[in-house]
C-alpha atoms as a PDB file:
ATOM      1  CA  MET A   1      26.193 -11.670 -10.320  1.00  0.00           C
ATOM      2  CA  ARG A   2      26.179 -11.337  -6.527  1.00  0.00           C
ATOM      3  CA  LYS A   3      23.871 -13.476  -4.432  1.00  0.00           C
ATOM      4  CA  ARG A   4      20.775 -11.478  -3.594  1.00  0.00           C
ATOM      5  CA  PRO A   5      19.973 -10.967   0.101  1.00  0.00           C
ATOM      6  CA  ILE A   6      16.245 -11.049   0.720  1.00  0.00           C
ATOM      7  CA  VAL A   7      15.225  -9.312   3.909  1.00  0.00           C
ATOM      8  CA  ILE A   8      11.670  -8.080   4.279  1.00  0.00           C
ATOM      9  CA  THR A   9      10.384  -6.539   7.468  1.00  0.00           C
ATOM     10  CA  VAL A  10       6.697  -5.789   7.814  1.00  0.00           C
ATOM     11  CA  THR A  11       5.390  -3.824  10.758  1.00  0.00           C
ATOM     12  CA  MET A  12       1.659  -3.733  11.269  1.00  0.00           C
ATOM     13  CA  LEU A  13       0.453  -0.815  13.346  1.00  0.00           C
ATOM     14  CA  PRO A  14      -2.989  -0.789  14.938  1.00  0.00           C
ATOM     15  CA  HIS A  15      -5.421   1.545  13.222  1.00  0.00           C
ATOM     16  CA  ARG A  16      -6.272   4.459  15.498  1.00  0.00           C
ATOM     17  CA  ARG A  17      -9.721   5.952  15.522  1.00  0.00           C
ATOM     18  CA  THR A  18      -9.166   9.659  15.149  1.00  0.00           C
ATOM     19  CA  ALA A  19     -11.239  12.730  14.579  1.00  0.00           C
ATOM     20  CA  SER A  20      -9.225  13.563  11.471  1.00  0.00           C
ATOM     21  CA  TYR A  21      -6.407  12.129   9.400  1.00  0.00           C
ATOM     22  CA  GLY A  22      -4.187  15.060  10.388  1.00  0.00           C
ATOM     23  CA  ASP A  23      -4.205  13.811  13.991  1.00  0.00           C
ATOM     24  CA  MET A  24      -2.289  10.710  12.915  1.00  0.00           C
ATOM     25  CA  ILE A  25       0.907  12.564  12.002  1.00  0.00           C
ATOM     26  CA  PRO A  26       1.830  15.483  14.277  1.00  0.00           C
ATOM     27  CA  GLY A  27       2.609  18.662  12.363  1.00  0.00           C
ATOM     28  CA  MET A  28       1.088  17.343   9.140  1.00  0.00           C
ATOM     29  CA  SER A  29      -0.725  19.969   7.094  1.00  0.00           C
ATOM     30  CA  ILE A  30      -4.059  19.213   5.527  1.00  0.00           C
ATOM     31  CA  ASP A  31      -5.210  20.360   2.083  1.00  0.00           C
ATOM     32  CA  ARG A  32      -8.837  20.105   1.063  1.00  0.00           C
ATOM     33  CA  VAL A  33      -9.170  18.708  -2.454  1.00  0.00           C
ATOM     34  CA  THR A  34     -12.011  17.585  -4.674  1.00  0.00           C
ATOM     35  CA  VAL A  35     -11.747  14.250  -6.448  1.00  0.00           C
ATOM     36  CA  SER A  36     -14.071  12.246  -8.640  1.00  0.00           C
ATOM     37  CA  LEU A  37     -14.562   8.609  -7.650  1.00  0.00           C
ATOM     38  CA  PRO A  38     -16.489   5.837  -9.352  1.00  0.00           C
ATOM     39  CA  THR A  39     -19.761   5.334  -7.443  1.00  0.00           C
ATOM     40  CA  GLU A  40     -18.814   1.794  -6.380  1.00  0.00           C
ATOM     41  CA  VAL A  41     -15.472   2.950  -4.949  1.00  0.00           C
ATOM     42  CA  ARG A  42     -17.075   5.820  -3.048  1.00  0.00           C
ATOM     43  CA  GLN A  43     -19.764   3.527  -1.632  1.00  0.00           C
ATOM     44  CA  ALA A  44     -17.196   0.934  -0.562  1.00  0.00           C
ATOM     45  CA  ALA A  45     -15.026   3.568   1.101  1.00  0.00           C
ATOM     46  CA  GLN A  46     -18.076   5.050   2.845  1.00  0.00           C
ATOM     47  CA  ARG A  47     -19.003   1.601   4.210  1.00  0.00           C
ATOM     48  CA  VAL A  48     -15.461   1.154   5.533  1.00  0.00           C
ATOM     49  CA  ALA A  49     -15.626   4.578   7.192  1.00  0.00           C
ATOM     50  CA  GLN A  50     -18.970   3.796   8.821  1.00  0.00           C
ATOM     51  CA  GLU A  51     -17.918   0.305   9.954  1.00  0.00           C
ATOM     52  CA  THR A  52     -14.636   1.515  11.464  1.00  0.00           C
ATOM     53  CA  GLY A  53     -15.957   4.762  12.877  1.00  0.00           C
ATOM     54  CA  VAL A  54     -13.514   7.036  11.062  1.00  0.00           C
ATOM     55  CA  PRO A  55     -14.205   9.941   8.709  1.00  0.00           C
ATOM     56  CA  PHE A  56     -14.550   9.203   5.001  1.00  0.00           C
ATOM     57  CA  SER A  57     -11.562  11.444   4.301  1.00  0.00           C
ATOM     58  CA  THR A  58      -9.429   9.267   6.608  1.00  0.00           C
ATOM     59  CA  VAL A  59     -10.286   6.162   4.568  1.00  0.00           C
ATOM     60  CA  VAL A  60      -9.417   7.962   1.305  1.00  0.00           C
ATOM     61  CA  ALA A  61      -6.185   9.416   2.753  1.00  0.00           C
ATOM     62  CA  ASP A  62      -5.150   5.984   4.122  1.00  0.00           C
ATOM     63  CA  ALA A  63      -5.772   4.370   0.719  1.00  0.00           C
ATOM     64  CA  LEU A  64      -3.826   7.041  -1.131  1.00  0.00           C
ATOM     65  CA  ALA A  65      -0.951   6.896   1.385  1.00  0.00           C
ATOM     66  CA  ALA A  66      -0.792   3.101   0.924  1.00  0.00           C
ATOM     67  CA  TRP A  67      -0.699   3.579  -2.856  1.00  0.00           C
ATOM     68  CA  VAL A  68       2.175   6.086  -2.546  1.00  0.00           C
ATOM     69  CA  ARG A  69       4.088   3.732  -0.218  1.00  0.00           C
ATOM     70  CA  GLY A  70       3.577   0.990  -2.798  1.00  0.00           C
ATOM     71  CA  ARG A  71       5.245   3.178  -5.439  1.00  0.00           C
ATOM     72  CA  LEU A  72       8.213   3.651  -3.062  1.00  0.00           C
ATOM     73  CA  VAL A  73       8.494  -0.124  -2.681  1.00  0.00           C
ATOM     74  CA  ASP A  74       8.279  -0.482  -6.475  1.00  0.00           C
ATOM     75  CA  ALA A  75      11.174   1.978  -6.862  1.00  0.00           C
ATOM     76  CA  TRP A  76      13.269   0.090  -4.290  1.00  0.00           C
ATOM     77  CA  LEU A  77      12.550  -3.233  -5.978  1.00  0.00           C
ATOM     78  CA  THR A  78      13.575  -1.826  -9.343  1.00  0.00           C
ATOM     79  CA  GLU A  79      16.895  -0.620  -7.889  1.00  0.00           C
ATOM     80  CA  HIS A  80      17.382  -3.960  -6.100  1.00  0.00           C
ATOM     81  CA  GLN A  81      16.785  -5.930  -9.293  1.00  0.00           C
ATOM     82  CA  VAL A  82      19.178  -3.712 -11.281  1.00  0.00           C
ATOM     83  CA  GLU A  83      21.887  -4.557  -8.740  1.00  0.00           C
ATOM     84  CA  PHE A  84      21.062  -8.236  -8.098  1.00  0.00           C
ATOM     85  CA  GLY A  85      18.979  -9.377 -11.077  1.00  0.00           C
ATOM     86  CA  ASP A  86      15.280 -10.035 -11.516  1.00  0.00           C
ATOM     87  CA  PHE A  87      13.306 -12.053  -9.019  1.00  0.00           C
ATOM     88  CA  ASP A  88      12.036 -15.331 -10.367  1.00  0.00           C
ATOM     89  CA  GLU A  89       8.595 -16.684  -9.545  1.00  0.00           C
ATOM     90  CA  ALA A  90       9.973 -19.271  -7.102  1.00  0.00           C
ATOM     91  CA  GLU A  91      11.697 -16.502  -5.080  1.00  0.00           C
ATOM     92  CA  LEU A  92       8.510 -14.449  -4.986  1.00  0.00           C
ATOM     93  CA  GLN A  93       6.464 -17.447  -3.900  1.00  0.00           C
ATOM     94  CA  ARG A  94       8.971 -18.183  -1.114  1.00  0.00           C
ATOM     95  CA  VAL A  95       8.914 -14.564   0.103  1.00  0.00           C
ATOM     96  CA  ALA A  96       5.106 -14.599   0.139  1.00  0.00           C
ATOM     97  CA  ALA A  97       5.061 -17.876   2.072  1.00  0.00           C
ATOM     98  CA  ASP A  98       7.647 -16.554   4.557  1.00  0.00           C
ATOM     99  CA  ALA A  99       5.560 -13.414   5.060  1.00  0.00           C
ATOM    100  CA  GLY A 100       2.367 -15.441   5.447  1.00  0.00           C
ATOM    101  CA  VAL A 101       0.580 -13.768   2.560  1.00  0.00           C
ATOM    102  CA  THR A 102      -1.075 -15.180  -0.520  1.00  0.00           C
ATOM    103  CA  TYR A 103       1.141 -15.160  -3.586  1.00  0.00           C
ATOM    104  CA  LEU A 104      -0.440 -13.445  -6.567  1.00  0.00           C
ATOM    105  CA  PRO A 105       1.144 -14.151  -9.972  1.00  0.00           C
ATOM    106  CA  PRO A 106       1.860 -11.177 -12.237  1.00  0.00           C
ATOM    107  CA  MET A 107      -1.079  -9.591 -14.020  1.00  0.00           C
ATOM    108  CA  THR A 108      -0.996  -9.287 -17.791  1.00  0.00           C
ATOM    109  CA  SER A 109      -2.348  -5.729 -17.732  1.00  0.00           C
ATOM    110  CA  ARG A 110      -2.385  -2.850 -15.277  1.00  0.00           C
ATOM    111  CA  THR A 111      -4.863  -0.030 -15.031  1.00  0.00           C
ATOM    112  CA  VAL A 112      -2.767   2.239 -12.766  1.00  0.00           C
ATOM    113  CA  ALA A 113       0.887   3.101 -13.291  1.00  0.00           C
END
């Protein structure tokens, strides 16, 4: 098995206050959809929108975009582990420490695929 290179680059961009989420990505089309949210989730998202001065739809779109990006990272990690082998907990802890984030051990159950 080849030695696994671990290179992680994280770029944090400042959150812009915009009139609409569509302003954030030029040329992006916007579709209006209806979703059902648990009351607690809607209330939390509404508080975030009010505290940051952005529309509620921007908060929801940002959260969904982050979830989709997470699935892309999951797919890359799966491919990486097929080629180089599974990460062990020590490697994951080191990567978290290097990135300056709290390491969270694996959960025994997941509610979202």
